[in-house]
Amino acid sequence: MTAGSVSGLEKREARGTATVARLRQAAEALDCDLRIAFVPRKGLQRAVEEQTMRKASEERNRIVHSMRLEAQDSGVARSLAEAADAESWLTGRTREIWD
């Protein structure tokens, strides 16, 4: 890479317009591997907990909706504990959390 290429890449990076291809070229020029990673802002554990609660809530809402359509909703919302549902996602359905 030339000095001009490096300068251009630095400017594009500052604007948020640098491409992976150009970053890969820079890494090669520096005899480095390019690594791009997504790092949860709240930490992985918190991200998993939030997604688990979201999935449990969605599932609970679908069940409650179906029960209401069948006029069987008397008390069903209270009987479906979200915490227990979330726990079932963590213990037995972890592969489906991000689906």
PDB file of N, CA and C in Angstrom:
ATOM      1  N   MET A   1       0.846  -1.183   0.000  1.00  0.00           N
ATOM      2  CA  MET A   1       0.000   0.000   0.000  1.00  0.00           C
ATOM      3  C   MET A   1       0.883   1.234   0.000  1.00  0.00           C
ATOM      4  N   THR A   2       0.432   2.226  -0.712  1.00  0.00           N
ATOM      5  CA  THR A   2       1.161   3.486  -0.750  1.00  0.00           C
ATOM      6  C   THR A   2       0.733   4.367   0.429  1.00  0.00           C
ATOM      7  N   ALA A   3       1.507   5.416   0.661  1.00  0.00           N
ATOM      8  CA  ALA A   3       1.159   6.360   1.729  1.00  0.00           C
ATOM      9  C   ALA A   3      -0.193   6.991   1.452  1.00  0.00           C
ATOM     10  N   GLY A   4      -0.483   7.270   0.183  1.00  0.00           N
ATOM     11  CA  GLY A   4      -1.778   7.838  -0.184  1.00  0.00           C
ATOM     12  C   GLY A   4      -2.919   6.879   0.096  1.00  0.00           C
ATOM     13  N   SER A   5      -2.664   5.584  -0.154  1.00  0.00           N
ATOM     14  CA  SER A   5      -3.693   4.577   0.121  1.00  0.00           C
ATOM     15  C   SER A   5      -3.985   4.498   1.612  1.00  0.00           C
ATOM     16  N   VAL A   6      -2.942   4.546   2.408  1.00  0.00           N
ATOM     17  CA  VAL A   6      -3.100   4.494   3.859  1.00  0.00           C
ATOM     18  C   VAL A   6      -3.872   5.720   4.347  1.00  0.00           C
ATOM     19  N   SER A   7      -3.500   6.882   3.826  1.00  0.00           N
ATOM     20  CA  SER A   7      -4.185   8.114   4.214  1.00  0.00           C
ATOM     21  C   SER A   7      -5.663   8.051   3.832  1.00  0.00           C
ATOM     22  N   GLY A   8      -5.949   7.574   2.620  1.00  0.00           N
ATOM     23  CA  GLY A   8      -7.339   7.438   2.173  1.00  0.00           C
ATOM     24  C   GLY A   8      -8.116   6.466   3.034  1.00  0.00           C
ATOM     25  N   LEU A   9      -7.475   5.360   3.399  1.00  0.00           N
ATOM     26  CA  LEU A   9      -8.136   4.366   4.253  1.00  0.00           C
ATOM     27  C   LEU A   9      -8.435   4.957   5.624  1.00  0.00           C
ATOM     28  N   GLU A  10      -7.499   5.707   6.171  1.00  0.00           N
ATOM     29  CA  GLU A  10      -7.711   6.341   7.476  1.00  0.00           C
ATOM     30  C   GLU A  10      -8.891   7.313   7.428  1.00  0.00           C
ATOM     31  N   LYS A  11      -8.998   8.075   6.335  1.00  0.00           N
ATOM     32  CA  LYS A  11     -10.111   9.020   6.197  1.00  0.00           C
ATOM     33  C   LYS A  11     -11.438   8.273   6.065  1.00  0.00           C
ATOM     34  N   ARG A  12     -11.448   7.204   5.264  1.00  0.00           N
ATOM     35  CA  ARG A  12     -12.687   6.419   5.112  1.00  0.00           C
ATOM     36  C   ARG A  12     -13.069   5.742   6.429  1.00  0.00           C
ATOM     37  N   GLU A  13     -12.085   5.287   7.160  1.00  0.00           N
ATOM     38  CA  GLU A  13     -12.361   4.657   8.456  1.00  0.00           C
ATOM     39  C   GLU A  13     -12.980   5.674   9.412  1.00  0.00           C
ATOM     40  N   ALA A  14     -12.457   6.890   9.413  1.00  0.00           N
ATOM     41  CA  ALA A  14     -12.995   7.941  10.294  1.00  0.00           C
ATOM     42  C   ALA A  14     -14.434   8.285   9.916  1.00  0.00           C
ATOM     43  N   ARG A  15     -14.772   8.221   8.627  1.00  0.00           N
ATOM     44  CA  ARG A  15     -16.138   8.510   8.172  1.00  0.00           C
ATOM     45  C   ARG A  15     -17.049   7.292   8.294  1.00  0.00           C
ATOM     46  N   GLY A  16     -16.460   6.134   8.574  1.00  0.00           N
ATOM     47  CA  GLY A  16     -17.257   4.908   8.663  1.00  0.00           C
ATOM     48  C   GLY A  16     -17.551   4.299   7.302  1.00  0.00           C
ATOM     49  N   THR A  17     -16.737   4.604   6.306  1.00  0.00           N
ATOM     50  CA  THR A  17     -16.984   4.091   4.955  1.00  0.00           C
ATOM     51  C   THR A  17     -15.887   3.156   4.463  1.00  0.00           C
ATOM     52  N   ALA A  18     -14.977   2.753   5.339  1.00  0.00           N
ATOM     53  CA  ALA A  18     -13.922   1.816   4.943  1.00  0.00           C
ATOM     54  C   ALA A  18     -14.548   0.464   4.613  1.00  0.00           C
ATOM     55  N   THR A  19     -14.054  -0.160   3.563  1.00  0.00           N
ATOM     56  CA  THR A  19     -14.591  -1.467   3.172  1.00  0.00           C
ATOM     57  C   THR A  19     -13.747  -2.586   3.754  1.00  0.00           C
ATOM     58  N   VAL A  20     -14.336  -3.741   3.850  1.00  0.00           N
ATOM     59  CA  VAL A  20     -13.613  -4.912   4.352  1.00  0.00           C
ATOM     60  C   VAL A  20     -12.461  -5.240   3.415  1.00  0.00           C
ATOM     61  N   ALA A  21     -12.682  -5.098   2.121  1.00  0.00           N
ATOM     62  CA  ALA A  21     -11.620  -5.390   1.149  1.00  0.00           C
ATOM     63  C   ALA A  21     -10.398  -4.500   1.388  1.00  0.00           C
ATOM     64  N   ARG A  22     -10.615  -3.220   1.615  1.00  0.00           N
ATOM     65  CA  ARG A  22      -9.492  -2.305   1.857  1.00  0.00           C
ATOM     66  C   ARG A  22      -8.827  -2.592   3.204  1.00  0.00           C
ATOM     67  N   LEU A  23      -9.614  -2.917   4.203  1.00  0.00           N
ATOM     68  CA  LEU A  23      -9.029  -3.276   5.498  1.00  0.00           C
ATOM     69  C   LEU A  23      -8.201  -4.545   5.370  1.00  0.00           C
ATOM     70  N   ARG A  24      -8.677  -5.495   4.562  1.00  0.00           N
ATOM     71  CA  ARG A  24      -7.934  -6.734   4.333  1.00  0.00           C
ATOM     72  C   ARG A  24      -6.601  -6.424   3.649  1.00  0.00           C
ATOM     73  N   GLN A  25      -6.612  -5.502   2.679  1.00  0.00           N
ATOM     74  CA  GLN A  25      -5.371  -5.109   2.006  1.00  0.00           C
ATOM     75  C   GLN A  25      -4.392  -4.491   3.004  1.00  0.00           C
ATOM     76  N   ALA A  26      -4.891  -3.651   3.876  1.00  0.00           N
ATOM     77  CA  ALA A  26      -4.033  -3.031   4.880  1.00  0.00           C
ATOM     78  C   ALA A  26      -3.458  -4.096   5.815  1.00  0.00           C
ATOM     79  N   ALA A  27      -4.278  -5.040   6.209  1.00  0.00           N
ATOM     80  CA  ALA A  27      -3.806  -6.115   7.082  1.00  0.00           C
ATOM     81  C   ALA A  27      -2.709  -6.915   6.393  1.00  0.00           C
ATOM     82  N   GLU A  28      -2.913  -7.232   5.128  1.00  0.00           N
ATOM     83  CA  GLU A  28      -1.897  -7.970   4.365  1.00  0.00           C
ATOM     84  C   GLU A  28      -0.589  -7.182   4.321  1.00  0.00           C
ATOM     85  N   ALA A  29      -0.686  -5.883   4.053  1.00  0.00           N
ATOM     86  CA  ALA A  29       0.511  -5.036   3.972  1.00  0.00           C
ATOM     87  C   ALA A  29       1.274  -5.022   5.293  1.00  0.00           C
ATOM     88  N   LEU A  30       0.539  -5.187   6.392  1.00  0.00           N
ATOM     89  CA  LEU A  30       1.166  -5.195   7.715  1.00  0.00           C
ATOM     90  C   LEU A  30       1.491  -6.602   8.204  1.00  0.00           C
ATOM     91  N   ASP A  31       1.286  -7.598   7.320  1.00  0.00           N
ATOM     92  CA  ASP A  31       1.489  -9.008   7.665  1.00  0.00           C
ATOM     93  C   ASP A  31       0.650  -9.390   8.888  1.00  0.00           C
ATOM     94  N   CYS A  32      -0.629  -9.004   8.815  1.00  0.00           N
ATOM     95  CA  CYS A  32      -1.570  -9.264   9.908  1.00  0.00           C
ATOM     96  C   CYS A  32      -2.792  -9.990   9.370  1.00  0.00           C
ATOM     97  N   ASP A  33      -3.527 -10.624  10.265  1.00  0.00           N
ATOM     98  CA  ASP A  33      -4.837 -11.181   9.949  1.00  0.00           C
ATOM     99  C   ASP A  33      -5.878 -10.137  10.302  1.00  0.00           C
ATOM    100  N   LEU A  34      -6.896 -10.008   9.456  1.00  0.00           N
ATOM    101  CA  LEU A  34      -8.005  -9.110   9.755  1.00  0.00           C
ATOM    102  C   LEU A  34      -9.048  -9.889  10.540  1.00  0.00           C
ATOM    103  N   ARG A  35      -9.452  -9.381  11.665  1.00  0.00           N
ATOM    104  CA  ARG A  35     -10.491  -9.991  12.491  1.00  0.00           C
ATOM    105  C   ARG A  35     -11.599  -8.976  12.695  1.00  0.00           C
ATOM    106  N   ILE A  36     -12.824  -9.372  12.381  1.00  0.00           N
ATOM    107  CA  ILE A  36     -13.981  -8.516  12.614  1.00  0.00           C
ATOM    108  C   ILE A  36     -14.886  -9.265  13.571  1.00  0.00           C
ATOM    109  N   ALA A  37     -15.286  -8.603  14.638  1.00  0.00           N
ATOM    110  CA  ALA A  37     -16.078  -9.290  15.664  1.00  0.00           C
ATOM    111  C   ALA A  37     -17.228  -8.410  16.113  1.00  0.00           C
ATOM    112  N   PHE A  38     -18.325  -9.056  16.464  1.00  0.00           N
ATOM    113  CA  PHE A  38     -19.447  -8.378  17.097  1.00  0.00           C
ATOM    114  C   PHE A  38     -19.306  -8.603  18.590  1.00  0.00           C
ATOM    115  N   VAL A  39     -19.247  -7.531  19.346  1.00  0.00           N
ATOM    116  CA  VAL A  39     -19.073  -7.611  20.792  1.00  0.00           C
ATOM    117  C   VAL A  39     -20.301  -6.985  21.438  1.00  0.00           C
ATOM    118  N   PRO A  40     -21.089  -7.771  22.168  1.00  0.00           N
ATOM    119  CA  PRO A  40     -22.294  -7.216  22.803  1.00  0.00           C
ATOM    120  C   PRO A  40     -21.938  -6.068  23.738  1.00  0.00           C
ATOM    121  N   ARG A  41     -22.703  -5.003  23.656  1.00  0.00           N
ATOM    122  CA  ARG A  41     -22.457  -3.833  24.509  1.00  0.00           C
ATOM    123  C   ARG A  41     -22.719  -4.138  25.973  1.00  0.00           C
ATOM    124  N   LYS A  42     -23.651  -5.017  26.230  1.00  0.00           N
ATOM    125  CA  LYS A  42     -24.041  -5.317  27.607  1.00  0.00           C
ATOM    126  C   LYS A  42     -23.373  -6.578  28.126  1.00  0.00           C
ATOM    127  N   GLY A  43     -22.540  -7.192  27.353  1.00  0.00           N
ATOM    128  CA  GLY A  43     -21.929  -8.448  27.733  1.00  0.00           C
ATOM    129  C   GLY A  43     -22.748  -9.613  27.215  1.00  0.00           C
ATOM    130  N   LEU A  44     -22.087 -10.705  26.957  1.00  0.00           N
ATOM    131  CA  LEU A  44     -22.743 -11.864  26.361  1.00  0.00           C
ATOM    132  C   LEU A  44     -23.831 -12.437  27.254  1.00  0.00           C
ATOM    133  N   GLN A  45     -23.568 -12.565  28.537  1.00  0.00           N
ATOM    134  CA  GLN A  45     -24.555 -13.133  29.454  1.00  0.00           C
ATOM    135  C   GLN A  45     -25.848 -12.317  29.444  1.00  0.00           C
ATOM    136  N   ARG A  46     -25.710 -10.997  29.514  1.00  0.00           N
ATOM    137  CA  ARG A  46     -26.893 -10.117  29.526  1.00  0.00           C
ATOM    138  C   ARG A  46     -27.640 -10.202  28.192  1.00  0.00           C
ATOM    139  N   ALA A  47     -26.919 -10.278  27.080  1.00  0.00           N
ATOM    140  CA  ALA A  47     -27.550 -10.396  25.765  1.00  0.00           C
ATOM    141  C   ALA A  47     -28.351 -11.689  25.667  1.00  0.00           C
ATOM    142  N   VAL A  48     -27.796 -12.784  26.176  1.00  0.00           N
ATOM    143  CA  VAL A  48     -28.495 -14.072  26.165  1.00  0.00           C
ATOM    144  C   VAL A  48     -29.735 -14.002  27.048  1.00  0.00           C
ATOM    145  N   GLU A  49     -29.610 -13.413  28.236  1.00  0.00           N
ATOM    146  CA  GLU A  49     -30.768 -13.289  29.143  1.00  0.00           C
ATOM    147  C   GLU A  49     -31.888 -12.478  28.496  1.00  0.00           C
ATOM    148  N   GLU A  50     -31.537 -11.355  27.879  1.00  0.00           N
ATOM    149  CA  GLU A  50     -32.560 -10.513  27.247  1.00  0.00           C
ATOM    150  C   GLU A  50     -33.233 -11.224  26.080  1.00  0.00           C
ATOM    151  N   GLN A  51     -32.439 -11.914  25.260  1.00  0.00           N
ATOM    152  CA  GLN A  51     -33.018 -12.638  24.126  1.00  0.00           C
ATOM    153  C   GLN A  51     -33.898 -13.783  24.612  1.00  0.00           C
ATOM    154  N   THR A  52     -33.489 -14.442  25.677  1.00  0.00           N
ATOM    155  CA  THR A  52     -34.282 -15.528  26.246  1.00  0.00           C
ATOM    156  C   THR A  52     -35.625 -15.011  26.746  1.00  0.00           C
ATOM    157  N   MET A  53     -35.613 -13.887  27.443  1.00  0.00           N
ATOM    158  CA  MET A  53     -36.868 -13.297  27.928  1.00  0.00           C
ATOM    159  C   MET A  53     -37.753 -12.876  26.761  1.00  0.00           C
ATOM    160  N   ARG A  54     -37.135 -12.347  25.707  1.00  0.00           N
ATOM    161  CA  ARG A  54     -37.894 -11.935  24.524  1.00  0.00           C
ATOM    162  C   ARG A  54     -38.573 -13.148  23.877  1.00  0.00           C
ATOM    163  N   LYS A  55     -37.825 -14.246  23.721  1.00  0.00           N
ATOM    164  CA  LYS A  55     -38.389 -15.464  23.125  1.00  0.00           C
ATOM    165  C   LYS A  55     -39.503 -16.035  23.998  1.00  0.00           C
ATOM    166  N   ALA A  56     -39.297 -16.063  25.305  1.00  0.00           N
ATOM    167  CA  ALA A  56     -40.318 -16.585  26.215  1.00  0.00           C
ATOM    168  C   ALA A  56     -41.572 -15.731  26.161  1.00  0.00           C
ATOM    169  N   SER A  57     -41.413 -14.431  26.105  1.00  0.00           N
ATOM    170  CA  SER A  57     -42.557 -13.526  26.042  1.00  0.00           C
ATOM    171  C   SER A  57     -43.323 -13.698  24.736  1.00  0.00           C
ATOM    172  N   GLU A  58     -42.600 -13.814  23.622  1.00  0.00           N
ATOM    173  CA  GLU A  58     -43.252 -14.027  22.324  1.00  0.00           C
ATOM    174  C   GLU A  58     -44.060 -15.324  22.326  1.00  0.00           C
ATOM    175  N   GLU A  59     -43.451 -16.381  22.860  1.00  0.00           N
ATOM    176  CA  GLU A  59     -44.139 -17.674  22.900  1.00  0.00           C
ATOM    177  C   GLU A  59     -45.370 -17.601  23.806  1.00  0.00           C
ATOM    178  N   ARG A  60     -45.208 -16.973  24.946  1.00  0.00           N
ATOM    179  CA  ARG A  60     -46.328 -16.819  25.889  1.00  0.00           C
ATOM    180  C   ARG A  60     -47.463 -16.041  25.232  1.00  0.00           C
ATOM    181  N   ASN A  61     -47.131 -14.964  24.537  1.00  0.00           N
ATOM    182  CA  ASN A  61     -48.157 -14.159  23.872  1.00  0.00           C
ATOM    183  C   ASN A  61     -48.896 -14.952  22.795  1.00  0.00           C
ATOM    184  N   ARG A  62     -48.171 -15.803  22.060  1.00  0.00           N
ATOM    185  CA  ARG A  62     -48.830 -16.648  21.050  1.00  0.00           C
ATOM    186  C   ARG A  62     -49.797 -17.632  21.699  1.00  0.00           C
ATOM    187  N   ILE A  63     -49.376 -18.208  22.814  1.00  0.00           N
ATOM    188  CA  ILE A  63     -50.236 -19.174  23.513  1.00  0.00           C
ATOM    189  C   ILE A  63     -51.482 -18.478  24.053  1.00  0.00           C
ATOM    190  N   VAL A  64     -51.289 -17.331  24.686  1.00  0.00           N
ATOM    191  CA  VAL A  64     -52.425 -16.587  25.235  1.00  0.00           C
ATOM    192  C   VAL A  64     -53.378 -16.195  24.113  1.00  0.00           C
ATOM    193  N   HIS A  65     -52.834 -15.751  23.002  1.00  0.00           N
ATOM    194  CA  HIS A  65     -53.679 -15.367  21.857  1.00  0.00           C
ATOM    195  C   HIS A  65     -54.506 -16.555  21.369  1.00  0.00           C
ATOM    196  N   SER A  66     -53.860 -17.712  21.218  1.00  0.00           N
ATOM    197  CA  SER A  66     -54.581 -18.911  20.776  1.00  0.00           C
ATOM    198  C   SER A  66     -55.669 -19.307  21.760  1.00  0.00           C
ATOM    199  N   MET A  67     -55.348 -19.235  23.034  1.00  0.00           N
ATOM    200  CA  MET A  67     -56.333 -19.586  24.060  1.00  0.00           C
ATOM    201  C   MET A  67     -57.522 -18.625  24.023  1.00  0.00           C
ATOM    202  N   ARG A  68     -57.259 -17.356  23.795  1.00  0.00           N
ATOM    203  CA  ARG A  68     -58.348 -16.370  23.704  1.00  0.00           C
ATOM    204  C   ARG A  68     -59.239 -16.659  22.494  1.00  0.00           C
ATOM    205  N   LEU A  69     -58.619 -17.019  21.380  1.00  0.00           N
ATOM    206  CA  LEU A  69     -59.407 -17.344  20.192  1.00  0.00           C
ATOM    207  C   LEU A  69     -60.332 -18.529  20.446  1.00  0.00           C
ATOM    208  N   GLU A  70     -59.898 -19.429  21.305  1.00  0.00           N
ATOM    209  CA  GLU A  70     -60.692 -20.615  21.624  1.00  0.00           C
ATOM    210  C   GLU A  70     -61.551 -20.402  22.866  1.00  0.00           C
ATOM    211  N   ALA A  71     -61.610 -19.163  23.330  1.00  0.00           N
ATOM    212  CA  ALA A  71     -62.384 -18.804  24.524  1.00  0.00           C
ATOM    213  C   ALA A  71     -61.974 -19.628  25.733  1.00  0.00           C
ATOM    214  N   GLN A  72     -60.684 -19.891  25.846  1.00  0.00           N
ATOM    215  CA  GLN A  72     -60.151 -20.658  26.975  1.00  0.00           C
ATOM    216  C   GLN A  72     -59.138 -19.831  27.765  1.00  0.00           C
ATOM    217  N   ASP A  73     -59.291 -18.521  27.724  1.00  0.00           N
ATOM    218  CA  ASP A  73     -58.264 -17.670  28.308  1.00  0.00           C
ATOM    219  C   ASP A  73     -58.467 -17.332  29.769  1.00  0.00           C
ATOM    220  N   SER A  74     -59.467 -17.862  30.400  1.00  0.00           N
ATOM    221  CA  SER A  74     -59.727 -17.543  31.796  1.00  0.00           C
ATOM    222  C   SER A  74     -58.544 -17.975  32.661  1.00  0.00           C
ATOM    223  N   GLY A  75     -57.764 -17.005  33.115  1.00  0.00           N
ATOM    224  CA  GLY A  75     -56.637 -17.280  34.002  1.00  0.00           C
ATOM    225  C   GLY A  75     -55.390 -17.790  33.323  1.00  0.00           C
ATOM    226  N   VAL A  76     -55.405 -17.979  32.029  1.00  0.00           N
ATOM    227  CA  VAL A  76     -54.246 -18.557  31.358  1.00  0.00           C
ATOM    228  C   VAL A  76     -53.028 -17.635  31.421  1.00  0.00           C
ATOM    229  N   ALA A  77     -53.224 -16.327  31.327  1.00  0.00           N
ATOM    230  CA  ALA A  77     -52.096 -15.397  31.360  1.00  0.00           C
ATOM    231  C   ALA A  77     -51.322 -15.512  32.669  1.00  0.00           C
ATOM    232  N   ARG A  78     -52.041 -15.687  33.765  1.00  0.00           N
ATOM    233  CA  ARG A  78     -51.375 -15.813  35.066  1.00  0.00           C
ATOM    234  C   ARG A  78     -50.663 -17.147  35.218  1.00  0.00           C
ATOM    235  N   SER A  79     -51.184 -18.175  34.569  1.00  0.00           N
ATOM    236  CA  SER A  79     -50.613 -19.506  34.765  1.00  0.00           C
ATOM    237  C   SER A  79     -49.333 -19.735  33.973  1.00  0.00           C
ATOM    238  N   LEU A  80     -49.092 -18.895  33.006  1.00  0.00           N
ATOM    239  CA  LEU A  80     -47.876 -19.033  32.214  1.00  0.00           C
ATOM    240  C   LEU A  80     -46.808 -18.091  32.760  1.00  0.00           C
ATOM    241  N   ALA A  81     -45.962 -18.600  33.586  1.00  0.00           N
ATOM    242  CA  ALA A  81     -44.930 -17.780  34.223  1.00  0.00           C
ATOM    243  C   ALA A  81     -43.785 -17.531  33.248  1.00  0.00           C
ATOM    244  N   GLU A  82     -43.512 -16.265  32.958  1.00  0.00           N
ATOM    245  CA  GLU A  82     -42.456 -15.929  32.006  1.00  0.00           C
ATOM    246  C   GLU A  82     -41.082 -16.387  32.489  1.00  0.00           C
ATOM    247  N   ALA A  83     -40.829 -16.288  33.773  1.00  0.00           N
ATOM    248  CA  ALA A  83     -39.526 -16.703  34.287  1.00  0.00           C
ATOM    249  C   ALA A  83     -39.300 -18.199  34.052  1.00  0.00           C
ATOM    250  N   ALA A  84     -40.323 -18.997  34.274  1.00  0.00           N
ATOM    251  CA  ALA A  84     -40.200 -20.442  34.039  1.00  0.00           C
ATOM    252  C   ALA A  84     -40.010 -20.716  32.557  1.00  0.00           C
ATOM    253  N   ASP A  85     -40.752 -19.975  31.721  1.00  0.00           N
ATOM    254  CA  ASP A  85     -40.593 -20.142  30.281  1.00  0.00           C
ATOM    255  C   ASP A  85     -39.180 -19.784  29.845  1.00  0.00           C
ATOM    256  N   ALA A  86     -38.651 -18.687  30.382  1.00  0.00           N
ATOM    257  CA  ALA A  86     -37.297 -18.266  30.042  1.00  0.00           C
ATOM    258  C   ALA A  86     -36.289 -19.326  30.477  1.00  0.00           C
ATOM    259  N   GLU A  87     -36.505 -19.886  31.639  1.00  0.00           N
ATOM    260  CA  GLU A  87     -35.608 -20.940  32.126  1.00  0.00           C
ATOM    261  C   GLU A  87     -35.630 -22.145  31.204  1.00  0.00           C
ATOM    262  N   SER A  88     -36.794 -22.487  30.668  1.00  0.00           N
ATOM    263  CA  SER A  88     -36.873 -23.633  29.754  1.00  0.00           C
ATOM    264  C   SER A  88     -36.106 -23.345  28.464  1.00  0.00           C
ATOM    265  N   TRP A  89     -36.079 -22.089  28.030  1.00  0.00           N
ATOM    266  CA  TRP A  89     -35.295 -21.732  26.854  1.00  0.00           C
ATOM    267  C   TRP A  89     -33.805 -21.905  27.140  1.00  0.00           C
ATOM    268  N   LEU A  90     -33.373 -21.518  28.335  1.00  0.00           N
ATOM    269  CA  LEU A  90     -31.952 -21.612  28.679  1.00  0.00           C
ATOM    270  C   LEU A  90     -31.488 -23.042  28.895  1.00  0.00           C
ATOM    271  N   THR A  91     -32.358 -23.878  29.424  1.00  0.00           N
ATOM    272  CA  THR A  91     -31.935 -25.235  29.762  1.00  0.00           C
ATOM    273  C   THR A  91     -32.173 -26.262  28.669  1.00  0.00           C
ATOM    274  N   GLY A  92     -33.209 -26.080  27.864  1.00  0.00           N
ATOM    275  CA  GLY A  92     -33.498 -27.125  26.889  1.00  0.00           C
ATOM    276  C   GLY A  92     -33.615 -26.686  25.448  1.00  0.00           C
ATOM    277  N   ARG A  93     -33.612 -25.384  25.223  1.00  0.00           N
ATOM    278  CA  ARG A  93     -33.852 -24.924  23.855  1.00  0.00           C
ATOM    279  C   ARG A  93     -32.835 -23.866  23.421  1.00  0.00           C
ATOM    280  N   THR A  94     -31.612 -23.986  23.904  1.00  0.00           N
ATOM    281  CA  THR A  94     -30.620 -22.955  23.635  1.00  0.00           C
ATOM    282  C   THR A  94     -30.318 -22.785  22.143  1.00  0.00           C
ATOM    283  N   ARG A  95     -30.436 -23.832  21.369  1.00  0.00           N
ATOM    284  CA  ARG A  95     -30.159 -23.714  19.934  1.00  0.00           C
ATOM    285  C   ARG A  95     -31.167 -22.830  19.218  1.00  0.00           C
ATOM    286  N   GLU A  96     -32.331 -22.621  19.822  1.00  0.00           N
ATOM    287  CA  GLU A  96     -33.394 -21.850  19.176  1.00  0.00           C
ATOM    288  C   GLU A  96     -33.467 -20.402  19.653  1.00  0.00           C
ATOM    289  N   ILE A  97     -32.648 -20.008  20.589  1.00  0.00           N
ATOM    290  CA  ILE A  97     -32.743 -18.676  21.186  1.00  0.00           C
ATOM    291  C   ILE A  97     -32.633 -17.579  20.134  1.00  0.00           C
ATOM    292  N   TRP A  98     -31.760 -17.732  19.168  1.00  0.00           N
ATOM    293  CA  TRP A  98     -31.523 -16.665  18.187  1.00  0.00           C
ATOM    294  C   TRP A  98     -32.304 -16.862  16.895  1.00  0.00           C
ATOM    295  N   ASP A  99     -33.191 -17.851  16.851  1.00  0.00           N
ATOM    296  CA  ASP A  99     -34.009 -18.065  15.644  1.00  0.00           C
ATOM    297  C   ASP A  99     -35.077 -17.009  15.526  1.00  0.00           C
TER     298      ASP A  99
END
